[in-house]
Amino acid sequence: NTGFVEGPPRIFTQIRQYSISLPSSNQTLSQRAKTVIMYFSKAGIAALLAALPSTLACLGYEGGVPTATSTKTNSKYIEVKAGQVYDGGWARFDRGSGACNSGEGGQDDAVFLLRRGATLKNAIIGKNQKEGVHCDGPCTLEFVWFEDVCEDAISVKNDKAGDHTWIIGGGAYKAGDKIIQHNGCGTVNIINFYANDYGKVYRSCGNCSSQCKRNVYVEGVTAYGGGEIVGINSNYGDTATLKNVCTDAKVKCQMYNGCAGGCEPSKSGVCSG
């Protein structure tokens, strides 16, 4: 299930206009890429995956964080209730100056809290925060950008086996450790995401007090200047599938021996993805 591409094609495009139809076979590769990605915003995830040509490779947008339309600073997280959609309108959201301080962060430090089945789209998470987006159950992020990750950009918890979280487009910069932390027991799908200057794009929790099997699916991701693309716990049966990943990472998929509670997981080998 490996499909790594070491040199990304220059077909990336800003994804901010949404009024198009399905791609034509007569279109160029670049035109088809643009058409398919923008069609997703109206037709949904299933249509995107069904229409996406396998030859497109990675589609993480390399043009930088979109220009924010405004900045909105909040004293507590913004809660998006179960099943609801929050459109950020390309504003920058943060928690105020000094929010990224030392110590471990938690849900109360997040900029957004998404309940089960909630969606956040078209948003920029600014550098003044400790935790970016927390998902309490499976969630969807569409075109969400993180300017400067403090602790973790995205944390997924309380999802169950069979649940799917979707991270479509968007990207993250300056994540000293993890971009996506997965503490639940479902599947995280990362599609056409961009990462630069990071420790890991995805990590299955290495020492949660309650452990389980987790799955991660990565496709069309662009990641440079960082460490592992994914880290999974082989001893708990985690699975990782990576397709069409453009990266300079020496290790794309790292296996660990996870543990429960106050312990430190150890590396156990490299997975092929």
C-alpha atoms as a PDB file:
ATOM      1  CA  ASN A   1       0.000   0.000   0.000  1.00  0.00           C
ATOM      2  CA  THR A   2       2.982   2.331  -0.438  1.00  0.00           C
ATOM      3  CA  GLY A   3       3.035   5.029  -3.114  1.00  0.00           C
ATOM      4  CA  PHE A   4       5.759   7.514  -2.210  1.00  0.00           C
ATOM      5  CA  VAL A   5       6.770  10.246  -4.646  1.00  0.00           C
ATOM      6  CA  GLU A   6      10.038  11.958  -3.769  1.00  0.00           C
ATOM      7  CA  GLY A   7       9.621  14.983  -6.055  1.00  0.00           C
ATOM      8  CA  PRO A   8       6.213  16.725  -5.978  1.00  0.00           C
ATOM      9  CA  PRO A   9       4.633  17.865  -9.258  1.00  0.00           C
ATOM     10  CA  ARG A  10       4.045  21.629  -9.395  1.00  0.00           C
ATOM     11  CA  ILE A  11       0.273  21.471  -9.723  1.00  0.00           C
ATOM     12  CA  PHE A  12      -0.714  22.964  -6.403  1.00  0.00           C
ATOM     13  CA  THR A  13      -3.430  25.583  -6.363  1.00  0.00           C
ATOM     14  CA  GLN A  14      -5.080  27.888  -3.835  1.00  0.00           C
ATOM     15  CA  ILE A  15      -8.350  26.273  -2.742  1.00  0.00           C
ATOM     16  CA  ARG A  16     -10.715  29.122  -2.038  1.00  0.00           C
ATOM     17  CA  GLN A  17     -13.178  29.229  -4.941  1.00  0.00           C
ATOM     18  CA  TYR A  18     -15.982  26.668  -5.053  1.00  0.00           C
ATOM     19  CA  SER A  19     -18.114  26.745  -8.173  1.00  0.00           C
ATOM     20  CA  ILE A  20     -17.178  23.991 -10.599  1.00  0.00           C
ATOM     21  CA  SER A  21     -18.286  20.675 -12.096  1.00  0.00           C
ATOM     22  CA  LEU A  22     -16.712  17.225 -12.235  1.00  0.00           C
ATOM     23  CA  PRO A  23     -13.412  16.969 -14.172  1.00  0.00           C
ATOM     24  CA  SER A  24     -13.366  16.147 -17.865  1.00  0.00           C
ATOM     25  CA  SER A  25     -10.994  13.570 -19.285  1.00  0.00           C
ATOM     26  CA  ASN A  26      -9.953  16.250 -21.795  1.00  0.00           C
ATOM     27  CA  GLN A  27      -8.565  18.491 -19.051  1.00  0.00           C
ATOM     28  CA  THR A  28      -4.856  18.722 -18.346  1.00  0.00           C
ATOM     29  CA  LEU A  29      -3.483  17.112 -15.184  1.00  0.00           C
ATOM     30  CA  SER A  30      -3.301  20.488 -13.456  1.00  0.00           C
ATOM     31  CA  GLN A  31      -6.857  21.365 -14.458  1.00  0.00           C
ATOM     32  CA  ARG A  32      -8.160  18.005 -13.246  1.00  0.00           C
ATOM     33  CA  ALA A  33      -6.373  18.443  -9.897  1.00  0.00           C
ATOM     34  CA  LYS A  34      -7.922  21.862  -9.375  1.00  0.00           C
ATOM     35  CA  THR A  35     -11.360  20.692 -10.475  1.00  0.00           C
ATOM     36  CA  VAL A  36     -11.445  17.600  -8.272  1.00  0.00           C
ATOM     37  CA  ILE A  37     -10.326  19.388  -5.111  1.00  0.00           C
ATOM     38  CA  MET A  38     -12.818  22.202  -5.489  1.00  0.00           C
ATOM     39  CA  TYR A  39     -15.617  19.812  -6.399  1.00  0.00           C
ATOM     40  CA  PHE A  40     -15.151  18.194  -2.991  1.00  0.00           C
ATOM     41  CA  SER A  41     -16.397  21.275  -1.175  1.00  0.00           C
ATOM     42  CA  LYS A  42     -19.823  20.889  -2.773  1.00  0.00           C
ATOM     43  CA  ALA A  43     -20.103  17.146  -3.347  1.00  0.00           C
ATOM     44  CA  GLY A  44     -18.345  15.810  -0.252  1.00  0.00           C
ATOM     45  CA  ILE A  45     -15.593  13.372   0.640  1.00  0.00           C
ATOM     46  CA  ALA A  46     -16.933  10.355  -1.244  1.00  0.00           C
ATOM     47  CA  ALA A  47     -17.061  12.270  -4.510  1.00  0.00           C
ATOM     48  CA  LEU A  48     -13.534  13.546  -4.002  1.00  0.00           C
ATOM     49  CA  LEU A  49     -12.054  10.115  -3.432  1.00  0.00           C
ATOM     50  CA  ALA A  50     -14.018   8.563  -6.287  1.00  0.00           C
ATOM     51  CA  ALA A  51     -12.994  11.241  -8.770  1.00  0.00           C
ATOM     52  CA  LEU A  52      -9.360  11.742  -7.765  1.00  0.00           C
ATOM     53  CA  PRO A  53      -7.023  10.347 -10.473  1.00  0.00           C
ATOM     54  CA  SER A  54      -4.385   8.042  -9.031  1.00  0.00           C
ATOM     55  CA  THR A  55      -1.679   9.831 -11.048  1.00  0.00           C
ATOM     56  CA  LEU A  56      -2.127  13.161  -9.265  1.00  0.00           C
ATOM     57  CA  ALA A  57       0.270  12.245  -6.444  1.00  0.00           C
ATOM     58  CA  CYS A  58       0.616  14.763  -3.614  1.00  0.00           C
ATOM     59  CA  LEU A  59      -1.619  17.812  -3.572  1.00  0.00           C
ATOM     60  CA  GLY A  60      -0.682  19.548  -0.340  1.00  0.00           C
ATOM     61  CA  TYR A  61      -0.697  23.279  -1.110  1.00  0.00           C
ATOM     62  CA  GLU A  62       2.838  24.704  -0.878  1.00  0.00           C
ATOM     63  CA  GLY A  63       1.965  28.383  -1.261  1.00  0.00           C
ATOM     64  CA  GLY A  64       1.863  29.150   2.454  1.00  0.00           C
ATOM     65  CA  VAL A  65      -0.924  29.934   4.888  1.00  0.00           C
ATOM     66  CA  PRO A  66      -3.802  31.841   3.235  1.00  0.00           C
ATOM     67  CA  THR A  67      -4.101  35.521   4.078  1.00  0.00           C
ATOM     68  CA  ALA A  68      -6.423  35.945   7.049  1.00  0.00           C
ATOM     69  CA  THR A  69      -9.523  38.077   6.555  1.00  0.00           C
ATOM     70  CA  SER A  70      -9.468  39.077  10.244  1.00  0.00           C
ATOM     71  CA  THR A  71      -8.170  37.957  13.649  1.00  0.00           C
ATOM     72  CA  LYS A  72     -10.511  36.686  16.355  1.00  0.00           C
ATOM     73  CA  THR A  73      -9.074  36.238  19.846  1.00  0.00           C
ATOM     74  CA  ASN A  74     -11.157  34.314  22.381  1.00  0.00           C
ATOM     75  CA  SER A  75     -10.753  33.714  26.114  1.00  0.00           C
ATOM     76  CA  LYS A  76     -12.032  30.120  25.810  1.00  0.00           C
ATOM     77  CA  TYR A  77     -12.457  27.527  23.100  1.00  0.00           C
ATOM     78  CA  ILE A  78     -15.149  27.781  20.437  1.00  0.00           C
ATOM     79  CA  GLU A  79     -17.406  24.735  20.717  1.00  0.00           C
ATOM     80  CA  VAL A  80     -18.910  23.243  17.566  1.00  0.00           C
ATOM     81  CA  LYS A  81     -21.741  20.973  18.631  1.00  0.00           C
ATOM     82  CA  ALA A  82     -22.298  17.437  17.389  1.00  0.00           C
ATOM     83  CA  GLY A  83     -23.081  17.270  13.693  1.00  0.00           C
ATOM     84  CA  GLN A  84     -22.769  21.020  13.132  1.00  0.00           C
ATOM     85  CA  VAL A  85     -20.548  22.867  10.635  1.00  0.00           C
ATOM     86  CA  TYR A  86     -18.477  25.943  11.538  1.00  0.00           C
ATOM     87  CA  ASP A  87     -17.196  27.995   8.581  1.00  0.00           C
ATOM     88  CA  GLY A  88     -14.370  30.242   9.746  1.00  0.00           C
ATOM     89  CA  GLY A  89     -14.522  32.453   6.668  1.00  0.00           C
ATOM     90  CA  TRP A  90     -10.710  32.389   6.488  1.00  0.00           C
ATOM     91  CA  ALA A  91     -10.340  34.341   9.729  1.00  0.00           C
ATOM     92  CA  ARG A  92      -7.417  33.758  12.092  1.00  0.00           C
ATOM     93  CA  PHE A  93      -8.432  32.354  15.494  1.00  0.00           C
ATOM     94  CA  ASP A  94      -6.286  32.320  18.636  1.00  0.00           C
ATOM     95  CA  ARG A  95      -6.369  32.491  22.456  1.00  0.00           C
ATOM     96  CA  GLY A  96      -4.355  35.677  22.993  1.00  0.00           C
ATOM     97  CA  SER A  97      -0.738  36.668  23.563  1.00  0.00           C
ATOM     98  CA  GLY A  98       1.225  34.321  25.821  1.00  0.00           C
ATOM     99  CA  ALA A  99      -1.170  31.393  25.382  1.00  0.00           C
ATOM    100  CA  CYS A 100       1.648  29.135  24.185  1.00  0.00           C
ATOM    101  CA  ASN A 101       3.403  28.696  27.513  1.00  0.00           C
ATOM    102  CA  SER A 102       5.296  25.784  29.024  1.00  0.00           C
ATOM    103  CA  GLY A 103       3.658  22.635  30.312  1.00  0.00           C
ATOM    104  CA  GLU A 104       1.207  20.123  28.928  1.00  0.00           C
ATOM    105  CA  GLY A 105      -1.992  21.512  27.428  1.00  0.00           C
ATOM    106  CA  GLY A 106      -5.482  20.049  27.405  1.00  0.00           C
ATOM    107  CA  GLN A 107      -8.975  20.530  26.054  1.00  0.00           C
ATOM    108  CA  ASP A 108      -9.504  23.799  27.931  1.00  0.00           C
ATOM    109  CA  ASP A 109      -6.497  25.285  26.120  1.00  0.00           C
ATOM    110  CA  ALA A 110      -7.846  24.540  22.628  1.00  0.00           C
ATOM    111  CA  VAL A 111      -8.961  27.145  20.101  1.00  0.00           C
ATOM    112  CA  PHE A 112     -11.782  24.901  18.840  1.00  0.00           C
ATOM    113  CA  LEU A 113     -13.576  21.948  20.433  1.00  0.00           C
ATOM    114  CA  LEU A 114     -15.450  19.804  17.921  1.00  0.00           C
ATOM    115  CA  ARG A 115     -18.033  17.407  19.264  1.00  0.00           C
ATOM    116  CA  ARG A 116     -18.888  14.103  17.594  1.00  0.00           C
ATOM    117  CA  GLY A 117     -19.453  14.501  13.848  1.00  0.00           C
ATOM    118  CA  ALA A 118     -18.750  18.258  13.835  1.00  0.00           C
ATOM    119  CA  THR A 119     -16.948  20.020  10.972  1.00  0.00           C
ATOM    120  CA  LEU A 120     -14.564  22.977  10.985  1.00  0.00           C
ATOM    121  CA  LYS A 121     -13.635  24.522   7.639  1.00  0.00           C
ATOM    122  CA  ASN A 122     -11.895  27.522   6.098  1.00  0.00           C
ATOM    123  CA  ALA A 123     -10.075  28.587   9.262  1.00  0.00           C
ATOM    124  CA  ILE A 124      -6.577  29.679  10.265  1.00  0.00           C
ATOM    125  CA  ILE A 125      -5.273  28.861  13.744  1.00  0.00           C
ATOM    126  CA  GLY A 126      -2.832  31.577  14.814  1.00  0.00           C
ATOM    127  CA  LYS A 127       0.353  31.144  16.821  1.00  0.00           C
ATOM    128  CA  ASN A 128      -1.138  32.480  20.076  1.00  0.00           C
ATOM    129  CA  GLN A 129      -2.540  29.216  21.391  1.00  0.00           C
ATOM    130  CA  LYS A 130      -1.430  26.133  23.287  1.00  0.00           C
ATOM    131  CA  GLU A 131      -3.719  23.580  21.654  1.00  0.00           C
ATOM    132  CA  GLY A 132      -5.277  23.984  18.220  1.00  0.00           C
ATOM    133  CA  VAL A 133      -8.326  21.823  17.521  1.00  0.00           C
ATOM    134  CA  HIS A 134      -9.652  19.117  19.856  1.00  0.00           C
ATOM    135  CA  CYS A 135     -12.088  16.541  18.491  1.00  0.00           C
ATOM    136  CA  ASP A 136     -14.296  14.877  21.107  1.00  0.00           C
ATOM    137  CA  GLY A 137     -15.236  11.968  18.866  1.00  0.00           C
ATOM    138  CA  PRO A 138     -14.780  11.712  15.095  1.00  0.00           C
ATOM    139  CA  CYS A 139     -14.706  15.066  13.307  1.00  0.00           C
ATOM    140  CA  THR A 140     -13.915  16.689   9.961  1.00  0.00           C
ATOM    141  CA  LEU A 141     -11.459  19.492   9.215  1.00  0.00           C
ATOM    142  CA  GLU A 142     -11.632  21.026   5.744  1.00  0.00           C
ATOM    143  CA  PHE A 143      -8.919  23.483   4.730  1.00  0.00           C
ATOM    144  CA  VAL A 144      -7.793  24.374   8.260  1.00  0.00           C
ATOM    145  CA  TRP A 145      -4.327  25.917   8.586  1.00  0.00           C
ATOM    146  CA  PHE A 146      -2.006  26.193  11.591  1.00  0.00           C
ATOM    147  CA  GLU A 147       0.510  29.056  11.428  1.00  0.00           C
ATOM    148  CA  ASP A 148       2.747  27.947  14.292  1.00  0.00           C
ATOM    149  CA  VAL A 149       1.915  24.806  16.285  1.00  0.00           C
ATOM    150  CA  CYS A 150       2.504  25.049  20.037  1.00  0.00           C
ATOM    151  CA  GLU A 151       1.660  21.663  21.626  1.00  0.00           C
ATOM    152  CA  ASP A 152      -0.422  19.702  19.092  1.00  0.00           C
ATOM    153  CA  ALA A 153      -2.357  21.107  16.143  1.00  0.00           C
ATOM    154  CA  ILE A 154      -5.124  18.480  16.135  1.00  0.00           C
ATOM    155  CA  SER A 155      -6.062  16.044  18.917  1.00  0.00           C
ATOM    156  CA  VAL A 156      -8.595  13.279  18.263  1.00  0.00           C
ATOM    157  CA  LYS A 157     -10.073  11.447  21.246  1.00  0.00           C
ATOM    158  CA  ASN A 158     -13.133   9.392  22.200  1.00  0.00           C
ATOM    159  CA  ASP A 159     -13.598   8.057  18.672  1.00  0.00           C
ATOM    160  CA  LYS A 160     -14.473   4.374  18.547  1.00  0.00           C
ATOM    161  CA  ALA A 161     -13.595   1.469  16.265  1.00  0.00           C
ATOM    162  CA  GLY A 162     -15.374   2.093  12.973  1.00  0.00           C
ATOM    163  CA  ASP A 163     -15.407   5.893  13.396  1.00  0.00           C
ATOM    164  CA  HIS A 164     -13.629   8.022  10.782  1.00  0.00           C
ATOM    165  CA  THR A 165     -12.037  11.431  11.228  1.00  0.00           C
ATOM    166  CA  TRP A 166     -11.242  13.368   8.038  1.00  0.00           C
ATOM    167  CA  ILE A 167      -8.536  16.013   7.659  1.00  0.00           C
ATOM    168  CA  ILE A 168      -8.837  17.391   4.133  1.00  0.00           C
ATOM    169  CA  GLY A 169      -6.439  19.995   2.765  1.00  0.00           C
ATOM    170  CA  GLY A 170      -4.955  22.665   4.989  1.00  0.00           C
ATOM    171  CA  GLY A 171      -1.600  22.345   6.667  1.00  0.00           C
ATOM    172  CA  ALA A 172       0.661  23.114   9.613  1.00  0.00           C
ATOM    173  CA  TYR A 173       3.979  24.843  10.239  1.00  0.00           C
ATOM    174  CA  LYS A 174       6.532  24.743  13.073  1.00  0.00           C
ATOM    175  CA  ALA A 175       5.289  21.730  15.014  1.00  0.00           C
ATOM    176  CA  GLY A 176       8.169  20.841  17.292  1.00  0.00           C
ATOM    177  CA  ASP A 177       6.506  17.536  18.188  1.00  0.00           C
ATOM    178  CA  LYS A 178       3.263  16.209  16.687  1.00  0.00           C
ATOM    179  CA  ILE A 179       0.773  17.767  14.321  1.00  0.00           C
ATOM    180  CA  ILE A 180      -1.992  15.184  14.828  1.00  0.00           C
ATOM    181  CA  GLN A 181      -2.350  13.320  18.131  1.00  0.00           C
ATOM    182  CA  HIS A 182      -4.726  10.336  18.069  1.00  0.00           C
ATOM    183  CA  ASN A 183      -5.944   9.097  21.455  1.00  0.00           C
ATOM    184  CA  GLY A 184      -9.171   7.382  20.375  1.00  0.00           C
ATOM    185  CA  CYS A 185      -9.728   4.033  18.699  1.00  0.00           C
ATOM    186  CA  GLY A 186     -10.994   4.837  15.201  1.00  0.00           C
ATOM    187  CA  THR A 187      -9.433   5.792  11.867  1.00  0.00           C
ATOM    188  CA  VAL A 188      -7.874   9.143  10.973  1.00  0.00           C
ATOM    189  CA  ASN A 189      -7.815   9.983   7.249  1.00  0.00           C
ATOM    190  CA  ILE A 190      -5.341  12.683   6.176  1.00  0.00           C
ATOM    191  CA  ILE A 191      -5.866  13.843   2.596  1.00  0.00           C
ATOM    192  CA  ASN A 192      -3.885  16.480   0.632  1.00  0.00           C
ATOM    193  CA  PHE A 193      -2.423  18.018   3.793  1.00  0.00           C
ATOM    194  CA  TYR A 194       0.777  20.105   3.906  1.00  0.00           C
ATOM    195  CA  ALA A 195       3.367  19.991   6.707  1.00  0.00           C
ATOM    196  CA  ASN A 196       6.594  21.938   7.126  1.00  0.00           C
ATOM    197  CA  ASP A 197       9.044  21.931  10.045  1.00  0.00           C
ATOM    198  CA  TYR A 198       7.470  19.230  12.212  1.00  0.00           C
ATOM    199  CA  GLY A 199       8.280  16.252  14.418  1.00  0.00           C
ATOM    200  CA  LYS A 200       5.560  13.850  13.276  1.00  0.00           C
ATOM    201  CA  VAL A 201       2.530  14.428  11.098  1.00  0.00           C
ATOM    202  CA  TYR A 202       0.496  11.740  12.931  1.00  0.00           C
ATOM    203  CA  ARG A 203       1.090   9.825  16.142  1.00  0.00           C
ATOM    204  CA  SER A 204      -1.011   7.068  17.619  1.00  0.00           C
ATOM    205  CA  CYS A 205      -0.873   7.695  21.364  1.00  0.00           C
ATOM    206  CA  GLY A 206       2.184   5.950  22.733  1.00  0.00           C
ATOM    207  CA  ASN A 207       1.300   5.920  26.428  1.00  0.00           C
ATOM    208  CA  CYS A 208      -2.411   6.630  26.919  1.00  0.00           C
ATOM    209  CA  SER A 209      -3.829   5.111  30.094  1.00  0.00           C
ATOM    210  CA  SER A 210      -6.213   3.025  27.968  1.00  0.00           C
ATOM    211  CA  GLN A 211      -4.775   1.661  24.725  1.00  0.00           C
ATOM    212  CA  CYS A 212      -6.425   0.191  21.614  1.00  0.00           C
ATOM    213  CA  LYS A 213      -5.936  -0.453  17.910  1.00  0.00           C
ATOM    214  CA  ARG A 214      -5.860   2.699  15.770  1.00  0.00           C
ATOM    215  CA  ASN A 215      -5.754   3.215  12.017  1.00  0.00           C
ATOM    216  CA  VAL A 216      -4.372   6.024   9.877  1.00  0.00           C
ATOM    217  CA  TYR A 217      -4.811   6.577   6.137  1.00  0.00           C
ATOM    218  CA  VAL A 218      -2.580   9.158   4.445  1.00  0.00           C
ATOM    219  CA  GLU A 219      -2.940  10.192   0.798  1.00  0.00           C
ATOM    220  CA  GLY A 220      -1.699  13.121  -1.273  1.00  0.00           C
ATOM    221  CA  VAL A 221       0.231  14.621   1.646  1.00  0.00           C
ATOM    222  CA  THR A 222       3.237  16.922   1.210  1.00  0.00           C
ATOM    223  CA  ALA A 223       5.659  17.075   4.159  1.00  0.00           C
ATOM    224  CA  TYR A 224       9.110  18.667   4.287  1.00  0.00           C
ATOM    225  CA  GLY A 225      11.637  19.591   6.933  1.00  0.00           C
ATOM    226  CA  GLY A 226      10.430  17.162   9.555  1.00  0.00           C
ATOM    227  CA  GLY A 227      10.616  13.689  11.029  1.00  0.00           C
ATOM    228  CA  GLU A 228       8.240  10.771  10.640  1.00  0.00           C
ATOM    229  CA  ILE A 229       5.047  11.005   8.624  1.00  0.00           C
ATOM    230  CA  VAL A 230       3.264   8.562  10.935  1.00  0.00           C
ATOM    231  CA  GLY A 231       4.084   6.775  14.173  1.00  0.00           C
ATOM    232  CA  ILE A 232       1.999   3.719  15.106  1.00  0.00           C
ATOM    233  CA  ASN A 233       1.995   1.109  17.877  1.00  0.00           C
ATOM    234  CA  SER A 234       2.692  -2.279  16.331  1.00  0.00           C
ATOM    235  CA  ASN A 235       2.016  -4.152  19.570  1.00  0.00           C
ATOM    236  CA  TYR A 236      -1.597  -2.896  19.635  1.00  0.00           C
ATOM    237  CA  GLY A 237      -2.286  -3.818  16.013  1.00  0.00           C
ATOM    238  CA  ASP A 238      -2.264  -0.276  14.581  1.00  0.00           C
ATOM    239  CA  THR A 239      -2.372   0.018  10.790  1.00  0.00           C
ATOM    240  CA  ALA A 240      -1.018   2.722   8.480  1.00  0.00           C
ATOM    241  CA  THR A 241      -1.614   3.179   4.757  1.00  0.00           C
ATOM    242  CA  LEU A 242       0.382   5.811   2.876  1.00  0.00           C
ATOM    243  CA  LYS A 243      -0.202   6.675  -0.775  1.00  0.00           C
ATOM    244  CA  ASN A 244       1.262   9.403  -2.964  1.00  0.00           C
ATOM    245  CA  VAL A 245       3.260  11.115  -0.238  1.00  0.00           C
ATOM    246  CA  CYS A 246       5.811  13.771  -1.252  1.00  0.00           C
ATOM    247  CA  THR A 247       8.422  14.119   1.474  1.00  0.00           C
ATOM    248  CA  ASP A 248      12.090  14.322   2.369  1.00  0.00           C
ATOM    249  CA  ALA A 249      11.532  12.306   5.561  1.00  0.00           C
ATOM    250  CA  LYS A 250      14.023   9.492   6.065  1.00  0.00           C
ATOM    251  CA  VAL A 251      11.373   7.408   7.836  1.00  0.00           C
ATOM    252  CA  LYS A 252       7.812   7.642   6.579  1.00  0.00           C
ATOM    253  CA  CYS A 253       6.233   5.090   8.898  1.00  0.00           C
ATOM    254  CA  GLN A 254       7.749   4.357  12.316  1.00  0.00           C
ATOM    255  CA  MET A 255       6.559   1.494  14.513  1.00  0.00           C
ATOM    256  CA  TYR A 256       6.635   1.685  18.308  1.00  0.00           C
ATOM    257  CA  ASN A 257       5.971  -0.608  21.224  1.00  0.00           C
ATOM    258  CA  GLY A 258       3.290   1.417  22.942  1.00  0.00           C
ATOM    259  CA  CYS A 259       2.480   1.183  26.630  1.00  0.00           C
ATOM    260  CA  ALA A 260      -0.262   2.267  29.025  1.00  0.00           C
ATOM    261  CA  GLY A 261       0.131   5.008  31.608  1.00  0.00           C
ATOM    262  CA  GLY A 262       3.303   6.617  32.897  1.00  0.00           C
ATOM    263  CA  CYS A 263       5.809   4.966  30.587  1.00  0.00           C
ATOM    264  CA  GLU A 264       7.895   5.711  27.519  1.00  0.00           C
ATOM    265  CA  PRO A 265       7.199   3.850  24.226  1.00  0.00           C
ATOM    266  CA  SER A 266      10.166   2.435  22.331  1.00  0.00           C
ATOM    267  CA  LYS A 267      10.784   2.146  18.610  1.00  0.00           C
ATOM    268  CA  SER A 268      10.242  -1.332  17.196  1.00  0.00           C
ATOM    269  CA  GLY A 269      11.055  -1.017  13.506  1.00  0.00           C
ATOM    270  CA  VAL A 270       9.985   0.677  10.307  1.00  0.00           C
ATOM    271  CA  CYS A 271       6.690  -0.037   8.551  1.00  0.00           C
ATOM    272  CA  SER A 272       6.203   0.061   4.786  1.00  0.00           C
ATOM    273  CA  GLY A 273       2.826   1.808   4.915  1.00  0.00           C
END
